């Protein structure tokens, strides 16, 4: 959800652009770190299950999979969704109009 911000601070447009550039660069760096952490966690699931999530969804969990395995499968889905969200947010920041940010 995007909400407009009304700030009681008067700065030149050049200063606001600079703040936006610095802020977007900082947030991009934070998001990249979160992406790397999330990818590392997902890699652990790939090792544990011996395949990608999409392949596991094709073949399914074994009929004798225990509760812990089912929980890990659900958690893996959560991390995959988190990764997609982070990548989308990062892409949005990286695609800011060049004329707008500097």
PDB file of N, CA and C in Angstrom:
ATOM      1  N   UNK A   1       0.839  -1.172   0.000  1.00  0.00           N
ATOM      2  CA  UNK A   1       0.000   0.000   0.000  1.00  0.00           C
ATOM      3  C   UNK A   1       0.884   1.235   0.000  1.00  0.00           C
ATOM      4  N   UNK A   2       0.671   2.142  -0.927  1.00  0.00           N
ATOM      5  CA  UNK A   2       1.457   3.359  -1.040  1.00  0.00           C
ATOM      6  C   UNK A   2       0.635   4.515  -0.499  1.00  0.00           C
ATOM      7  N   UNK A   3       1.233   5.237   0.440  1.00  0.00           N
ATOM      8  CA  UNK A   3       0.538   6.374   1.029  1.00  0.00           C
ATOM      9  C   UNK A   3       1.370   7.626   0.803  1.00  0.00           C
ATOM     10  N   UNK A   4       0.729   8.719   0.395  1.00  0.00           N
ATOM     11  CA  UNK A   4       1.479   9.963   0.228  1.00  0.00           C
ATOM     12  C   UNK A   4       1.954  10.473   1.585  1.00  0.00           C
ATOM     13  N   UNK A   5       3.085  11.135   1.569  1.00  0.00           N
ATOM     14  CA  UNK A   5       3.655  11.666   2.803  1.00  0.00           C
ATOM     15  C   UNK A   5       3.627  13.185   2.734  1.00  0.00           C
ATOM     16  N   UNK A   6       3.170  13.787   3.787  1.00  0.00           N
ATOM     17  CA  UNK A   6       3.170  15.240   3.887  1.00  0.00           C
ATOM     18  C   UNK A   6       4.134  15.618   5.000  1.00  0.00           C
ATOM     19  N   UNK A   7       5.235  16.259   4.636  1.00  0.00           N
ATOM     20  CA  UNK A   7       6.247  16.620   5.620  1.00  0.00           C
ATOM     21  C   UNK A   7       6.299  18.134   5.795  1.00  0.00           C
ATOM     22  N   UNK A   8       6.451  18.587   7.040  1.00  0.00           N
ATOM     23  CA  UNK A   8       6.516  20.027   7.294  1.00  0.00           C
ATOM     24  C   UNK A   8       7.915  20.598   7.069  1.00  0.00           C
ATOM     25  N   UNK A   9       8.689  19.943   6.234  1.00  0.00           N
ATOM     26  CA  UNK A   9      10.063  20.367   5.980  1.00  0.00           C
ATOM     27  C   UNK A   9      10.140  20.932   4.569  1.00  0.00           C
ATOM     28  N   UNK A  10      10.712  22.106   4.457  1.00  0.00           N
ATOM     29  CA  UNK A  10      10.865  22.706   3.132  1.00  0.00           C
ATOM     30  C   UNK A  10      12.325  22.615   2.715  1.00  0.00           C
ATOM     31  N   UNK A  11      12.547  21.839   1.672  1.00  0.00           N
ATOM     32  CA  UNK A  11      13.877  21.689   1.095  1.00  0.00           C
ATOM     33  C   UNK A  11      13.774  21.938  -0.397  1.00  0.00           C
ATOM     34  N   UNK A  12      14.897  22.247  -0.995  1.00  0.00           N
ATOM     35  CA  UNK A  12      14.905  22.416  -2.446  1.00  0.00           C
ATOM     36  C   UNK A  12      14.663  21.060  -3.099  1.00  0.00           C
ATOM     37  N   UNK A  13      14.214  21.098  -4.335  1.00  0.00           N
ATOM     38  CA  UNK A  13      13.987  19.834  -5.039  1.00  0.00           C
ATOM     39  C   UNK A  13      15.301  19.071  -5.198  1.00  0.00           C
ATOM     40  N   UNK A  14      16.405  19.794  -5.327  1.00  0.00           N
ATOM     41  CA  UNK A  14      17.711  19.146  -5.435  1.00  0.00           C
ATOM     42  C   UNK A  14      18.023  18.361  -4.156  1.00  0.00           C
ATOM     43  N   UNK A  15      17.725  18.946  -2.998  1.00  0.00           N
ATOM     44  CA  UNK A  15      17.969  18.252  -1.734  1.00  0.00           C
ATOM     45  C   UNK A  15      17.070  17.028  -1.596  1.00  0.00           C
ATOM     46  N   UNK A  16      15.796  17.167  -1.979  1.00  0.00           N
ATOM     47  CA  UNK A  16      14.876  16.032  -1.909  1.00  0.00           C
ATOM     48  C   UNK A  16      15.328  14.912  -2.843  1.00  0.00           C
ATOM     49  N   UNK A  17      15.799  15.282  -4.036  1.00  0.00           N
ATOM     50  CA  UNK A  17      16.289  14.266  -4.974  1.00  0.00           C
ATOM     51  C   UNK A  17      17.494  13.533  -4.391  1.00  0.00           C
ATOM     52  N   UNK A  18      18.386  14.294  -3.759  1.00  0.00           N
ATOM     53  CA  UNK A  18      19.580  13.682  -3.170  1.00  0.00           C
ATOM     54  C   UNK A  18      19.195  12.728  -2.034  1.00  0.00           C
ATOM     55  N   UNK A  19      18.246  13.151  -1.217  1.00  0.00           N
ATOM     56  CA  UNK A  19      17.753  12.293  -0.135  1.00  0.00           C
ATOM     57  C   UNK A  19      17.155  11.018  -0.715  1.00  0.00           C
ATOM     58  N   UNK A  20      16.394  11.154  -1.783  1.00  0.00           N
ATOM     59  CA  UNK A  20      15.783   9.990  -2.423  1.00  0.00           C
ATOM     60  C   UNK A  20      16.849   9.047  -2.980  1.00  0.00           C
ATOM     61  N   UNK A  21      17.860   9.605  -3.614  1.00  0.00           N
ATOM     62  CA  UNK A  21      18.941   8.786  -4.170  1.00  0.00           C
ATOM     63  C   UNK A  21      19.667   8.033  -3.058  1.00  0.00           C
ATOM     64  N   UNK A  22      20.065   8.755  -2.023  1.00  0.00           N
ATOM     65  CA  UNK A  22      20.791   8.115  -0.924  1.00  0.00           C
ATOM     66  C   UNK A  22      19.923   7.081  -0.212  1.00  0.00           C
ATOM     67  N   UNK A  23      18.673   7.429  -0.004  1.00  0.00           N
ATOM     68  CA  UNK A  23      17.761   6.497   0.656  1.00  0.00           C
ATOM     69  C   UNK A  23      17.518   5.249  -0.166  1.00  0.00           C
ATOM     70  N   UNK A  24      17.341   5.430  -1.470  1.00  0.00           N
ATOM     71  CA  UNK A  24      17.087   4.264  -2.323  1.00  0.00           C
ATOM     72  C   UNK A  24      18.333   3.385  -2.426  1.00  0.00           C
ATOM     73  N   UNK A  25      19.511   4.003  -2.439  1.00  0.00           N
ATOM     74  CA  UNK A  25      20.747   3.221  -2.465  1.00  0.00           C
ATOM     75  C   UNK A  25      20.910   2.422  -1.174  1.00  0.00           C
ATOM     76  N   UNK A  26      20.644   3.068  -0.050  1.00  0.00           N
ATOM     77  CA  UNK A  26      20.759   2.388   1.242  1.00  0.00           C
ATOM     78  C   UNK A  26      19.758   1.245   1.332  1.00  0.00           C
ATOM     79  N   UNK A  27      18.514   1.506   0.947  1.00  0.00           N
ATOM     80  CA  UNK A  27      17.485   0.463   1.021  1.00  0.00           C
ATOM     81  C   UNK A  27      17.798  -0.672   0.053  1.00  0.00           C
ATOM     82  N   UNK A  28      18.341  -0.343  -1.119  1.00  0.00           N
ATOM     83  CA  UNK A  28      18.737  -1.386  -2.071  1.00  0.00           C
ATOM     84  C   UNK A  28      19.794  -2.298  -1.458  1.00  0.00           C
ATOM     85  N   UNK A  29      20.755  -1.706  -0.775  1.00  0.00           N
ATOM     86  CA  UNK A  29      21.797  -2.504  -0.119  1.00  0.00           C
ATOM     87  C   UNK A  29      21.204  -3.406   0.961  1.00  0.00           C
ATOM     88  N   UNK A  30      20.263  -2.868   1.728  1.00  0.00           N
ATOM     89  CA  UNK A  30      19.605  -3.678   2.759  1.00  0.00           C
ATOM     90  C   UNK A  30      18.837  -4.837   2.131  1.00  0.00           C
ATOM     91  N   UNK A  31      18.104  -4.542   1.064  1.00  0.00           N
ATOM     92  CA  UNK A  31      17.326  -5.585   0.393  1.00  0.00           C
ATOM     93  C   UNK A  31      18.232  -6.647  -0.215  1.00  0.00           C
ATOM     94  N   UNK A  32      19.370  -6.230  -0.784  1.00  0.00           N
ATOM     95  CA  UNK A  32      20.319  -7.198  -1.347  1.00  0.00           C
ATOM     96  C   UNK A  32      20.833  -8.140  -0.263  1.00  0.00           C
ATOM     97  N   UNK A  33      21.098  -7.601   0.916  1.00  0.00           N
ATOM     98  CA  UNK A  33      21.552  -8.439   2.027  1.00  0.00           C
ATOM     99  C   UNK A  33      20.454  -9.417   2.445  1.00  0.00           C
ATOM    100  N   UNK A  34      19.212  -8.945   2.477  1.00  0.00           N
ATOM    101  CA  UNK A  34      18.092  -9.822   2.823  1.00  0.00           C
ATOM    102  C   UNK A  34      17.899 -10.907   1.763  1.00  0.00           C
ATOM    103  N   UNK A  35      18.073 -10.539   0.490  1.00  0.00           N
ATOM    104  CA  UNK A  35      17.966 -11.519  -0.598  1.00  0.00           C
ATOM    105  C   UNK A  35      19.037 -12.595  -0.426  1.00  0.00           C
ATOM    106  N   UNK A  36      20.265 -12.183  -0.152  1.00  0.00           N
ATOM    107  CA  UNK A  36      21.360 -13.149   0.014  1.00  0.00           C
ATOM    108  C   UNK A  36      21.077 -14.103   1.176  1.00  0.00           C
ATOM    109  N   UNK A  37      20.600 -13.569   2.287  1.00  0.00           N
ATOM    110  CA  UNK A  37      20.272 -14.406   3.450  1.00  0.00           C
ATOM    111  C   UNK A  37      19.160 -15.390   3.102  1.00  0.00           C
ATOM    112  N   UNK A  38      18.144 -14.905   2.423  1.00  0.00           N
ATOM    113  CA  UNK A  38      17.007 -15.744   2.050  1.00  0.00           C
ATOM    114  C   UNK A  38      17.432 -16.827   1.066  1.00  0.00           C
ATOM    115  N   UNK A  39      18.270 -16.476   0.098  1.00  0.00           N
ATOM    116  CA  UNK A  39      18.760 -17.469  -0.862  1.00  0.00           C
ATOM    117  C   UNK A  39      19.576 -18.556  -0.163  1.00  0.00           C
ATOM    118  N   UNK A  40      20.330 -18.169   0.857  1.00  0.00           N
ATOM    119  CA  UNK A  40      21.117 -19.148   1.612  1.00  0.00           C
ATOM    120  C   UNK A  40      20.192 -20.119   2.354  1.00  0.00           C
ATOM    121  N   UNK A  41      19.133 -19.599   2.933  1.00  0.00           N
ATOM    122  CA  UNK A  41      18.168 -20.453   3.639  1.00  0.00           C
ATOM    123  C   UNK A  41      17.492 -21.403   2.659  1.00  0.00           C
ATOM    124  N   UNK A  42      17.103 -20.873   1.497  1.00  0.00           N
ATOM    125  CA  UNK A  42      16.459 -21.701   0.469  1.00  0.00           C
ATOM    126  C   UNK A  42      17.415 -22.787  -0.017  1.00  0.00           C
ATOM    127  N   UNK A  43      18.688 -22.441  -0.158  1.00  0.00           N
ATOM    128  CA  UNK A  43      19.688 -23.439  -0.576  1.00  0.00           C
ATOM    129  C   UNK A  43      19.751 -24.590   0.428  1.00  0.00           C
ATOM    130  N   UNK A  44      19.582 -24.274   1.702  1.00  0.00           N
ATOM    131  CA  UNK A  44      19.563 -25.316   2.723  1.00  0.00           C
ATOM    132  C   UNK A  44      18.392 -26.276   2.538  1.00  0.00           C
ATOM    133  N   UNK A  45      17.237 -25.733   2.158  1.00  0.00           N
ATOM    134  CA  UNK A  45      16.084 -26.595   1.888  1.00  0.00           C
ATOM    135  C   UNK A  45      16.338 -27.470   0.658  1.00  0.00           C
ATOM    136  N   UNK A  46      16.979 -26.898  -0.362  1.00  0.00           N
ATOM    137  CA  UNK A  46      17.288 -27.679  -1.563  1.00  0.00           C
ATOM    138  C   UNK A  46      18.209 -28.844  -1.227  1.00  0.00           C
ATOM    139  N   UNK A  47      19.172 -28.597  -0.356  1.00  0.00           N
ATOM    140  CA  UNK A  47      20.078 -29.668   0.069  1.00  0.00           C
ATOM    141  C   UNK A  47      19.308 -30.702   0.890  1.00  0.00           C
ATOM    142  N   UNK A  48      18.506 -30.229   1.814  1.00  0.00           N
ATOM    143  CA  UNK A  48      17.752 -31.149   2.681  1.00  0.00           C
ATOM    144  C   UNK A  48      16.844 -32.078   1.883  1.00  0.00           C
ATOM    145  N   UNK A  49      16.142 -31.502   0.888  1.00  0.00           N
ATOM    146  CA  UNK A  49      15.197 -32.297   0.109  1.00  0.00           C
ATOM    147  C   UNK A  49      15.822 -32.895  -1.148  1.00  0.00           C
ATOM    148  N   UNK A  50      17.015 -32.417  -1.517  1.00  0.00           N
ATOM    149  CA  UNK A  50      17.710 -32.964  -2.674  1.00  0.00           C
ATOM    150  C   UNK A  50      17.133 -32.534  -4.009  1.00  0.00           C
ATOM    151  N   UNK A  51      16.393 -31.420  -4.013  1.00  0.00           N
ATOM    152  CA  UNK A  51      15.767 -30.934  -5.252  1.00  0.00           C
ATOM    153  C   UNK A  51      15.229 -29.528  -5.034  1.00  0.00           C
ATOM    154  N   UNK A  52      14.820 -28.900  -6.130  1.00  0.00           N
ATOM    155  CA  UNK A  52      14.200 -27.580  -6.040  1.00  0.00           C
ATOM    156  C   UNK A  52      12.769 -27.721  -5.536  1.00  0.00           C
ATOM    157  N   UNK A  53      12.203 -26.628  -5.078  1.00  0.00           N
ATOM    158  CA  UNK A  53      10.821 -26.657  -4.602  1.00  0.00           C
ATOM    159  C   UNK A  53       9.866 -27.009  -5.733  1.00  0.00           C
ATOM    160  N   UNK A  54      10.105 -26.462  -6.924  1.00  0.00           N
ATOM    161  CA  UNK A  54       9.208 -26.770  -8.047  1.00  0.00           C
ATOM    162  C   UNK A  54       9.237 -28.266  -8.380  1.00  0.00           C
ATOM    163  N   UNK A  55      10.418 -28.875  -8.300  1.00  0.00           N
ATOM    164  CA  UNK A  55      10.503 -30.320  -8.562  1.00  0.00           C
ATOM    165  C   UNK A  55       9.812 -31.111  -7.450  1.00  0.00           C
ATOM    166  N   UNK A  56       9.996 -30.680  -6.217  1.00  0.00           N
ATOM    167  CA  UNK A  56       9.330 -31.355  -5.102  1.00  0.00           C
ATOM    168  C   UNK A  56       7.814 -31.277  -5.248  1.00  0.00           C
ATOM    169  N   UNK A  57       7.332 -30.142  -5.735  1.00  0.00           N
ATOM    170  CA  UNK A  57       5.892 -30.006  -5.943  1.00  0.00           C
ATOM    171  C   UNK A  57       5.398 -30.943  -7.044  1.00  0.00           C
ATOM    172  N   UNK A  58       6.248 -31.211  -8.017  1.00  0.00           N
ATOM    173  CA  UNK A  58       5.880 -32.154  -9.088  1.00  0.00           C
ATOM    174  C   UNK A  58       5.798 -33.586  -8.565  1.00  0.00           C
ATOM    175  N   UNK A  59       6.807 -33.976  -7.785  1.00  0.00           N
ATOM    176  CA  UNK A  59       6.857 -35.364  -7.315  1.00  0.00           C
ATOM    177  C   UNK A  59       6.108 -35.570  -6.003  1.00  0.00           C
ATOM    178  N   UNK A  60       5.957 -34.500  -5.238  1.00  0.00           N
ATOM    179  CA  UNK A  60       5.249 -34.583  -3.961  1.00  0.00           C
ATOM    180  C   UNK A  60       6.110 -35.161  -2.847  1.00  0.00           C
ATOM    181  N   UNK A  61       5.659 -34.937  -1.633  1.00  0.00           N
ATOM    182  CA  UNK A  61       6.328 -35.525  -0.475  1.00  0.00           C
ATOM    183  C   UNK A  61       6.024 -37.017  -0.439  1.00  0.00           C
ATOM    184  N   UNK A  62       6.924 -37.766   0.121  1.00  0.00           N
ATOM    185  CA  UNK A  62       6.677 -39.211   0.229  1.00  0.00           C
ATOM    186  C   UNK A  62       5.488 -39.455   1.159  1.00  0.00           C
ATOM    187  N   UNK A  63       4.815 -40.549   0.937  1.00  0.00           N
ATOM    188  CA  UNK A  63       3.619 -40.880   1.717  1.00  0.00           C
ATOM    189  C   UNK A  63       3.933 -41.041   3.202  1.00  0.00           C
ATOM    190  N   UNK A  64       5.162 -41.404   3.514  1.00  0.00           N
ATOM    191  CA  UNK A  64       5.523 -41.602   4.918  1.00  0.00           C
ATOM    192  C   UNK A  64       6.263 -40.400   5.519  1.00  0.00           C
ATOM    193  N   UNK A  65       6.148 -39.234   4.867  1.00  0.00           N
ATOM    194  CA  UNK A  65       6.814 -38.031   5.376  1.00  0.00           C
ATOM    195  C   UNK A  65       6.257 -37.683   6.755  1.00  0.00           C
ATOM    196  N   UNK A  66       7.162 -37.366   7.672  1.00  0.00           N
ATOM    197  CA  UNK A  66       6.730 -37.051   9.038  1.00  0.00           C
ATOM    198  C   UNK A  66       6.305 -35.587   9.168  1.00  0.00           C
ATOM    199  N   UNK A  67       5.823 -35.243  10.345  1.00  0.00           N
ATOM    200  CA  UNK A  67       5.339 -33.891  10.621  1.00  0.00           C
ATOM    201  C   UNK A  67       6.429 -32.855  10.377  1.00  0.00           C
ATOM    202  N   UNK A  68       7.636 -33.146  10.818  1.00  0.00           N
ATOM    203  CA  UNK A  68       8.757 -32.221  10.660  1.00  0.00           C
ATOM    204  C   UNK A  68       9.037 -31.935   9.179  1.00  0.00           C
ATOM    205  N   UNK A  69       8.935 -32.936   8.353  1.00  0.00           N
ATOM    206  CA  UNK A  69       9.153 -32.769   6.913  1.00  0.00           C
ATOM    207  C   UNK A  69       8.063 -31.893   6.308  1.00  0.00           C
ATOM    208  N   UNK A  70       6.829 -32.118   6.724  1.00  0.00           N
ATOM    209  CA  UNK A  70       5.725 -31.279   6.243  1.00  0.00           C
ATOM    210  C   UNK A  70       5.916 -29.826   6.683  1.00  0.00           C
ATOM    211  N   UNK A  71       6.346 -29.634   7.917  1.00  0.00           N
ATOM    212  CA  UNK A  71       6.602 -28.283   8.422  1.00  0.00           C
ATOM    213  C   UNK A  71       7.713 -27.603   7.616  1.00  0.00           C
ATOM    214  N   UNK A  72       8.768 -28.339   7.313  1.00  0.00           N
ATOM    215  CA  UNK A  72       9.876 -27.791   6.528  1.00  0.00           C
ATOM    216  C   UNK A  72       9.405 -27.407   5.131  1.00  0.00           C
ATOM    217  N   UNK A  73       8.558 -28.229   4.552  1.00  0.00           N
ATOM    218  CA  UNK A  73       7.998 -27.955   3.226  1.00  0.00           C
ATOM    219  C   UNK A  73       7.199 -26.652   3.243  1.00  0.00           C
ATOM    220  N   UNK A  74       6.373 -26.470   4.251  1.00  0.00           N
ATOM    221  CA  UNK A  74       5.580 -25.243   4.380  1.00  0.00           C
ATOM    222  C   UNK A  74       6.492 -24.037   4.601  1.00  0.00           C
ATOM    223  N   UNK A  75       7.504 -24.206   5.442  1.00  0.00           N
ATOM    224  CA  UNK A  75       8.446 -23.117   5.698  1.00  0.00           C
ATOM    225  C   UNK A  75       9.199 -22.742   4.422  1.00  0.00           C
ATOM    226  N   UNK A  76       9.560 -23.731   3.631  1.00  0.00           N
ATOM    227  CA  UNK A  76      10.262 -23.492   2.373  1.00  0.00           C
ATOM    228  C   UNK A  76       9.403 -22.613   1.467  1.00  0.00           C
ATOM    229  N   UNK A  77       8.129 -22.929   1.387  1.00  0.00           N
ATOM    230  CA  UNK A  77       7.211 -22.089   0.603  1.00  0.00           C
ATOM    231  C   UNK A  77       7.257 -20.643   1.089  1.00  0.00           C
ATOM    232  N   UNK A  78       7.250 -20.471   2.386  1.00  0.00           N
ATOM    233  CA  UNK A  78       7.282 -19.138   2.968  1.00  0.00           C
ATOM    234  C   UNK A  78       8.545 -18.383   2.560  1.00  0.00           C
ATOM    235  N   UNK A  79       9.684 -19.054   2.603  1.00  0.00           N
ATOM    236  CA  UNK A  79      10.940 -18.415   2.216  1.00  0.00           C
ATOM    237  C   UNK A  79      10.970 -18.093   0.722  1.00  0.00           C
ATOM    238  N   UNK A  80      10.404 -18.966  -0.094  1.00  0.00           N
ATOM    239  CA  UNK A  80      10.336 -18.690  -1.538  1.00  0.00           C
ATOM    240  C   UNK A  80       9.472 -17.457  -1.802  1.00  0.00           C
ATOM    241  N   UNK A  81       8.361 -17.339  -1.104  1.00  0.00           N
ATOM    242  CA  UNK A  81       7.501 -16.162  -1.251  1.00  0.00           C
ATOM    243  C   UNK A  81       8.212 -14.906  -0.774  1.00  0.00           C
ATOM    244  N   UNK A  82       8.956 -15.029   0.321  1.00  0.00           N
ATOM    245  CA  UNK A  82       9.731 -13.900   0.837  1.00  0.00           C
ATOM    246  C   UNK A  82      10.758 -13.455  -0.201  1.00  0.00           C
ATOM    247  N   UNK A  83      11.422 -14.404  -0.830  1.00  0.00           N
ATOM    248  CA  UNK A  83      12.418 -14.073  -1.847  1.00  0.00           C
ATOM    249  C   UNK A  83      11.782 -13.319  -3.011  1.00  0.00           C
ATOM    250  N   UNK A  84      10.648 -13.782  -3.490  1.00  0.00           N
ATOM    251  CA  UNK A  84       9.960 -13.099  -4.590  1.00  0.00           C
ATOM    252  C   UNK A  84       9.602 -11.673  -4.208  1.00  0.00           C
ATOM    253  N   UNK A  85       9.109 -11.490  -2.988  1.00  0.00           N
ATOM    254  CA  UNK A  85       8.749 -10.154  -2.516  1.00  0.00           C
ATOM    255  C   UNK A  85       9.973  -9.245  -2.449  1.00  0.00           C
ATOM    256  N   UNK A  86      11.058  -9.746  -1.880  1.00  0.00           N
ATOM    257  CA  UNK A  86      12.283  -8.951  -1.782  1.00  0.00           C
ATOM    258  C   UNK A  86      12.812  -8.577  -3.162  1.00  0.00           C
ATOM    259  N   UNK A  87      12.814  -9.530  -4.082  1.00  0.00           N
ATOM    260  CA  UNK A  87      13.306  -9.262  -5.435  1.00  0.00           C
ATOM    261  C   UNK A  87      12.437  -8.225  -6.136  1.00  0.00           C
ATOM    262  N   UNK A  88      11.137  -8.307  -5.931  1.00  0.00           N
ATOM    263  CA  UNK A  88      10.229  -7.325  -6.534  1.00  0.00           C
ATOM    264  C   UNK A  88      10.498  -5.931  -5.961  1.00  0.00           C
ATOM    265  N   UNK A  89      10.664  -5.844  -4.657  1.00  0.00           N
ATOM    266  CA  UNK A  89      10.923  -4.549  -4.026  1.00  0.00           C
ATOM    267  C   UNK A  89      12.261  -3.974  -4.477  1.00  0.00           C
ATOM    268  N   UNK A  90      13.261  -4.830  -4.601  1.00  0.00           N
ATOM    269  CA  UNK A  90      14.576  -4.390  -5.059  1.00  0.00           C
ATOM    270  C   UNK A  90      14.504  -3.899  -6.499  1.00  0.00           C
ATOM    271  N   UNK A  91      13.818  -4.640  -7.335  1.00  0.00           N
ATOM    272  CA  UNK A  91      13.658  -4.243  -8.735  1.00  0.00           C
ATOM    273  C   UNK A  91      12.942  -2.897  -8.844  1.00  0.00           C
ATOM    274  N   UNK A  92      11.938  -2.690  -8.019  1.00  0.00           N
ATOM    275  CA  UNK A  92      11.207  -1.426  -8.028  1.00  0.00           C
ATOM    276  C   UNK A  92      12.138  -0.269  -7.691  1.00  0.00           C
ATOM    277  N   UNK A  93      12.971  -0.440  -6.677  1.00  0.00           N
ATOM    278  CA  UNK A  93      13.915   0.620  -6.315  1.00  0.00           C
ATOM    279  C   UNK A  93      14.934   0.862  -7.421  1.00  0.00           C
ATOM    280  N   UNK A  94      15.403  -0.205  -8.041  1.00  0.00           N
ATOM    281  CA  UNK A  94      16.424  -0.068  -9.078  1.00  0.00           C
ATOM    282  C   UNK A  94      15.864   0.537 -10.361  1.00  0.00           C
ATOM    283  N   UNK A  95      14.560   0.494 -10.513  1.00  0.00           N
ATOM    284  CA  UNK A  95      13.943   1.030 -11.723  1.00  0.00           C
ATOM    285  C   UNK A  95      13.377   2.431 -11.547  1.00  0.00           C
ATOM    286  N   UNK A  96      13.790   3.129 -10.493  1.00  0.00           N
ATOM    287  CA  UNK A  96      13.344   4.509 -10.336  1.00  0.00           C
ATOM    288  C   UNK A  96      13.780   5.305 -11.563  1.00  0.00           C
ATOM    289  N   UNK A  97      12.930   6.189 -11.986  1.00  0.00           N
ATOM    290  CA  UNK A  97      13.251   7.004 -13.161  1.00  0.00           C
ATOM    291  C   UNK A  97      14.530   7.803 -12.907  1.00  0.00           C
ATOM    292  N   UNK A  98      15.536   7.699 -13.793  1.00  0.00           N
ATOM    293  CA  UNK A  98      16.788   8.437 -13.604  1.00  0.00           C
ATOM    294  C   UNK A  98      16.574   9.945 -13.492  1.00  0.00           C
ATOM    295  N   UNK A  99      15.647  10.504 -14.247  1.00  0.00           N
ATOM    296  CA  UNK A  99      15.401  11.945 -14.173  1.00  0.00           C
ATOM    297  C   UNK A  99      14.829  12.337 -12.818  1.00  0.00           C
ATOM    298  N   UNK A 100      14.113  11.416 -12.207  1.00  0.00           N
ATOM    299  CA  UNK A 100      13.471  11.707 -10.935  1.00  0.00           C
ATOM    300  C   UNK A 100      14.462  11.664  -9.783  1.00  0.00           C
ATOM    301  N   UNK A 101      15.407  10.724  -9.841  1.00  0.00           N
ATOM    302  CA  UNK A 101      16.332  10.563  -8.722  1.00  0.00           C
ATOM    303  C   UNK A 101      17.655  11.294  -8.902  1.00  0.00           C
ATOM    304  N   UNK A 102      17.890  11.885  -9.978  1.00  0.00           N
ATOM    305  CA  UNK A 102      19.161  12.567 -10.060  1.00  0.00           C
ATOM    306  C   UNK A 102      19.348  13.158 -11.390  1.00  0.00           C
TER     307      UNK A 102
END
